[in-house]
Amino acid sequence: MPYLRFKGFTEVFLEEITPQVVDEFARIVQIPQEIVKIELLPYQIITNTPLSVEILMFQRSQEIHDAVAARIHDILSEHGYRNVHIFFVILQRNLYYKEGRPLE
């Protein structure tokens, strides 16, 4: 936890950028790299669906969310992906369960 879920990218590309994404994300959010989870979600395009990065994490300051989104955008842009949608799904500790118990 947190989870960064990439949709519409190739596995080869995601494996290439994962070390940089994990390093930058952990640095900005100030968490250990070991807890950052990267996932590639399979999906089938039904309508015009953009590439996206969905970030599931606990609430941080707006400045941290902005910095994370900007840095991920920069990394993707450096590889030719400029129009990727990046969005956050904010989790609540009391609704996040481990071993059947909420974190709070």
C-alpha atoms as a PDB file:
ATOM      1  CA  MET A   1       0.000   0.000   0.000  1.00  0.00           C
ATOM      2  CA  PRO A   2      -0.238   2.491  -1.768  1.00  0.00           C
ATOM      3  CA  TYR A   3      -1.195   1.026  -5.136  1.00  0.00           C
ATOM      4  CA  LEU A   4      -0.358   2.573  -8.493  1.00  0.00           C
ATOM      5  CA  ARG A   5      -2.478   0.896 -11.147  1.00  0.00           C
ATOM      6  CA  PHE A   6      -1.559   1.448 -14.777  1.00  0.00           C
ATOM      7  CA  LYS A   7      -4.130   0.804 -17.516  1.00  0.00           C
ATOM      8  CA  GLY A   8      -3.379   0.583 -21.226  1.00  0.00           C
ATOM      9  CA  PHE A   9       0.404   0.254 -21.015  1.00  0.00           C
ATOM     10  CA  THR A  10       2.542  -2.699 -22.050  1.00  0.00           C
ATOM     11  CA  GLU A  11       4.106  -4.921 -19.436  1.00  0.00           C
ATOM     12  CA  VAL A  12       7.575  -4.320 -20.909  1.00  0.00           C
ATOM     13  CA  PHE A  13       7.190  -0.544 -20.638  1.00  0.00           C
ATOM     14  CA  LEU A  14       5.822  -0.694 -17.098  1.00  0.00           C
ATOM     15  CA  GLU A  15       8.669  -2.933 -15.961  1.00  0.00           C
ATOM     16  CA  GLU A  16      11.118  -0.430 -17.474  1.00  0.00           C
ATOM     17  CA  ILE A  17       9.761   2.601 -15.598  1.00  0.00           C
ATOM     18  CA  THR A  18       8.820   0.861 -12.324  1.00  0.00           C
ATOM     19  CA  PRO A  19      12.127   1.498 -10.488  1.00  0.00           C
ATOM     20  CA  GLN A  20      11.970   5.222 -11.266  1.00  0.00           C
ATOM     21  CA  VAL A  21       8.257   5.513 -10.432  1.00  0.00           C
ATOM     22  CA  VAL A  22       8.687   3.694  -7.105  1.00  0.00           C
ATOM     23  CA  ASP A  23      11.730   5.776  -6.183  1.00  0.00           C
ATOM     24  CA  GLU A  24      10.085   9.107  -7.018  1.00  0.00           C
ATOM     25  CA  PHE A  25       6.735   8.226  -5.457  1.00  0.00           C
ATOM     26  CA  ALA A  26       8.332   7.055  -2.209  1.00  0.00           C
ATOM     27  CA  ARG A  27      10.521  10.161  -2.062  1.00  0.00           C
ATOM     28  CA  ILE A  28       7.632  12.584  -2.560  1.00  0.00           C
ATOM     29  CA  VAL A  29       5.230  10.804  -0.194  1.00  0.00           C
ATOM     30  CA  GLN A  30       8.048  10.019   2.277  1.00  0.00           C
ATOM     31  CA  ILE A  31       7.356   6.323   2.648  1.00  0.00           C
ATOM     32  CA  PRO A  32       9.542   3.214   2.235  1.00  0.00           C
ATOM     33  CA  GLN A  33       9.902   2.019  -1.355  1.00  0.00           C
ATOM     34  CA  GLU A  34       9.029  -1.512  -0.251  1.00  0.00           C
ATOM     35  CA  ILE A  35       5.398  -0.631   0.432  1.00  0.00           C
ATOM     36  CA  VAL A  36       4.708   0.946  -2.989  1.00  0.00           C
ATOM     37  CA  LYS A  37       2.705  -1.482  -5.149  1.00  0.00           C
ATOM     38  CA  ILE A  38       2.706  -1.249  -8.948  1.00  0.00           C
ATOM     39  CA  GLU A  39       0.036  -3.078 -10.931  1.00  0.00           C
ATOM     40  CA  LEU A  40      -0.793  -3.398 -14.609  1.00  0.00           C
ATOM     41  CA  LEU A  41      -4.545  -3.769 -15.004  1.00  0.00           C
ATOM     42  CA  PRO A  42      -5.878  -5.577 -18.052  1.00  0.00           C
ATOM     43  CA  TYR A  43      -8.812  -3.919 -19.711  1.00  0.00           C
ATOM     44  CA  GLN A  44     -10.841  -4.077 -22.874  1.00  0.00           C
ATOM     45  CA  ILE A  45     -11.621  -0.848 -24.685  1.00  0.00           C
ATOM     46  CA  ILE A  46     -15.356  -0.455 -25.273  1.00  0.00           C
ATOM     47  CA  THR A  47     -15.384   3.294 -25.937  1.00  0.00           C
ATOM     48  CA  ASN A  48     -12.579   5.793 -26.440  1.00  0.00           C
ATOM     49  CA  THR A  49     -10.698   5.120 -23.199  1.00  0.00           C
ATOM     50  CA  PRO A  50      -7.465   6.986 -22.385  1.00  0.00           C
ATOM     51  CA  LEU A  51      -4.383   5.483 -20.819  1.00  0.00           C
ATOM     52  CA  SER A  52      -4.555   6.055 -17.084  1.00  0.00           C
ATOM     53  CA  VAL A  53      -2.799   5.784 -13.753  1.00  0.00           C
ATOM     54  CA  GLU A  54      -5.045   5.198 -10.768  1.00  0.00           C
ATOM     55  CA  ILE A  55      -3.398   5.862  -7.398  1.00  0.00           C
ATOM     56  CA  LEU A  56      -5.000   4.330  -4.315  1.00  0.00           C
ATOM     57  CA  MET A  57      -3.613   5.817  -1.130  1.00  0.00           C
ATOM     58  CA  PHE A  58      -4.440   7.508   2.144  1.00  0.00           C
ATOM     59  CA  GLN A  59      -5.063  11.257   2.083  1.00  0.00           C
ATOM     60  CA  ARG A  60      -2.044  13.540   1.936  1.00  0.00           C
ATOM     61  CA  SER A  61      -1.806  17.290   1.470  1.00  0.00           C
ATOM     62  CA  GLN A  62      -2.879  18.732  -1.877  1.00  0.00           C
ATOM     63  CA  GLU A  63       0.754  19.697  -2.517  1.00  0.00           C
ATOM     64  CA  ILE A  64       1.867  16.072  -2.201  1.00  0.00           C
ATOM     65  CA  HIS A  65      -0.902  14.816  -4.491  1.00  0.00           C
ATOM     66  CA  ASP A  66       0.001  17.536  -7.015  1.00  0.00           C
ATOM     67  CA  ALA A  67       3.711  16.653  -6.834  1.00  0.00           C
ATOM     68  CA  VAL A  68       3.033  12.927  -7.316  1.00  0.00           C
ATOM     69  CA  ALA A  69       0.787  13.541 -10.332  1.00  0.00           C
ATOM     70  CA  ALA A  70       3.251  16.000 -11.870  1.00  0.00           C
ATOM     71  CA  ARG A  71       6.220  13.641 -11.458  1.00  0.00           C
ATOM     72  CA  ILE A  72       4.358  10.637 -12.875  1.00  0.00           C
ATOM     73  CA  HIS A  73       3.228  12.820 -15.789  1.00  0.00           C
ATOM     74  CA  ASP A  74       6.864  13.880 -16.360  1.00  0.00           C
ATOM     75  CA  ILE A  75       8.122  10.285 -16.335  1.00  0.00           C
ATOM     76  CA  LEU A  76       5.441   9.171 -18.786  1.00  0.00           C
ATOM     77  CA  SER A  77       5.968  12.232 -20.998  1.00  0.00           C
ATOM     78  CA  GLU A  78       9.691  11.456 -21.239  1.00  0.00           C
ATOM     79  CA  HIS A  79       8.633   8.186 -22.903  1.00  0.00           C
ATOM     80  CA  GLY A  80       6.110   9.751 -25.274  1.00  0.00           C
ATOM     81  CA  TYR A  81       2.975   9.316 -23.157  1.00  0.00           C
ATOM     82  CA  ARG A  82       1.696  12.868 -22.729  1.00  0.00           C
ATOM     83  CA  ASN A  83      -2.079  12.449 -22.524  1.00  0.00           C
ATOM     84  CA  VAL A  84      -2.402  10.026 -19.636  1.00  0.00           C
ATOM     85  CA  HIS A  85      -5.173  10.546 -17.090  1.00  0.00           C
ATOM     86  CA  ILE A  86      -3.846  10.423 -13.534  1.00  0.00           C
ATOM     87  CA  PHE A  87      -6.272  10.275 -10.634  1.00  0.00           C
ATOM     88  CA  PHE A  88      -6.378   9.402  -6.966  1.00  0.00           C
ATOM     89  CA  VAL A  89      -8.716   7.108  -5.095  1.00  0.00           C
ATOM     90  CA  ILE A  90      -8.445   8.200  -1.481  1.00  0.00           C
ATOM     91  CA  LEU A  91      -8.655   5.401   1.053  1.00  0.00           C
ATOM     92  CA  GLN A  92      -9.718   5.741   4.664  1.00  0.00           C
ATOM     93  CA  ARG A  93      -7.784   3.917   7.368  1.00  0.00           C
ATOM     94  CA  ASN A  94     -10.957   2.814   9.164  1.00  0.00           C
ATOM     95  CA  LEU A  95     -12.214   1.242   5.919  1.00  0.00           C
ATOM     96  CA  TYR A  96      -8.916  -0.472   5.009  1.00  0.00           C
ATOM     97  CA  TYR A  97      -8.732  -3.950   6.525  1.00  0.00           C
ATOM     98  CA  LYS A  98      -5.810  -6.277   7.221  1.00  0.00           C
ATOM     99  CA  GLU A  99      -6.605  -9.703   8.630  1.00  0.00           C
ATOM    100  CA  GLY A 100     -10.233  -8.649   8.979  1.00  0.00           C
ATOM    101  CA  ARG A 101      -9.473  -5.613  11.124  1.00  0.00           C
ATOM    102  CA  PRO A 102      -9.463  -1.918  10.207  1.00  0.00           C
ATOM    103  CA  LEU A 103      -6.122  -0.129  10.461  1.00  0.00           C
ATOM    104  CA  GLU A 104      -7.535   2.334  13.021  1.00  0.00           C
END
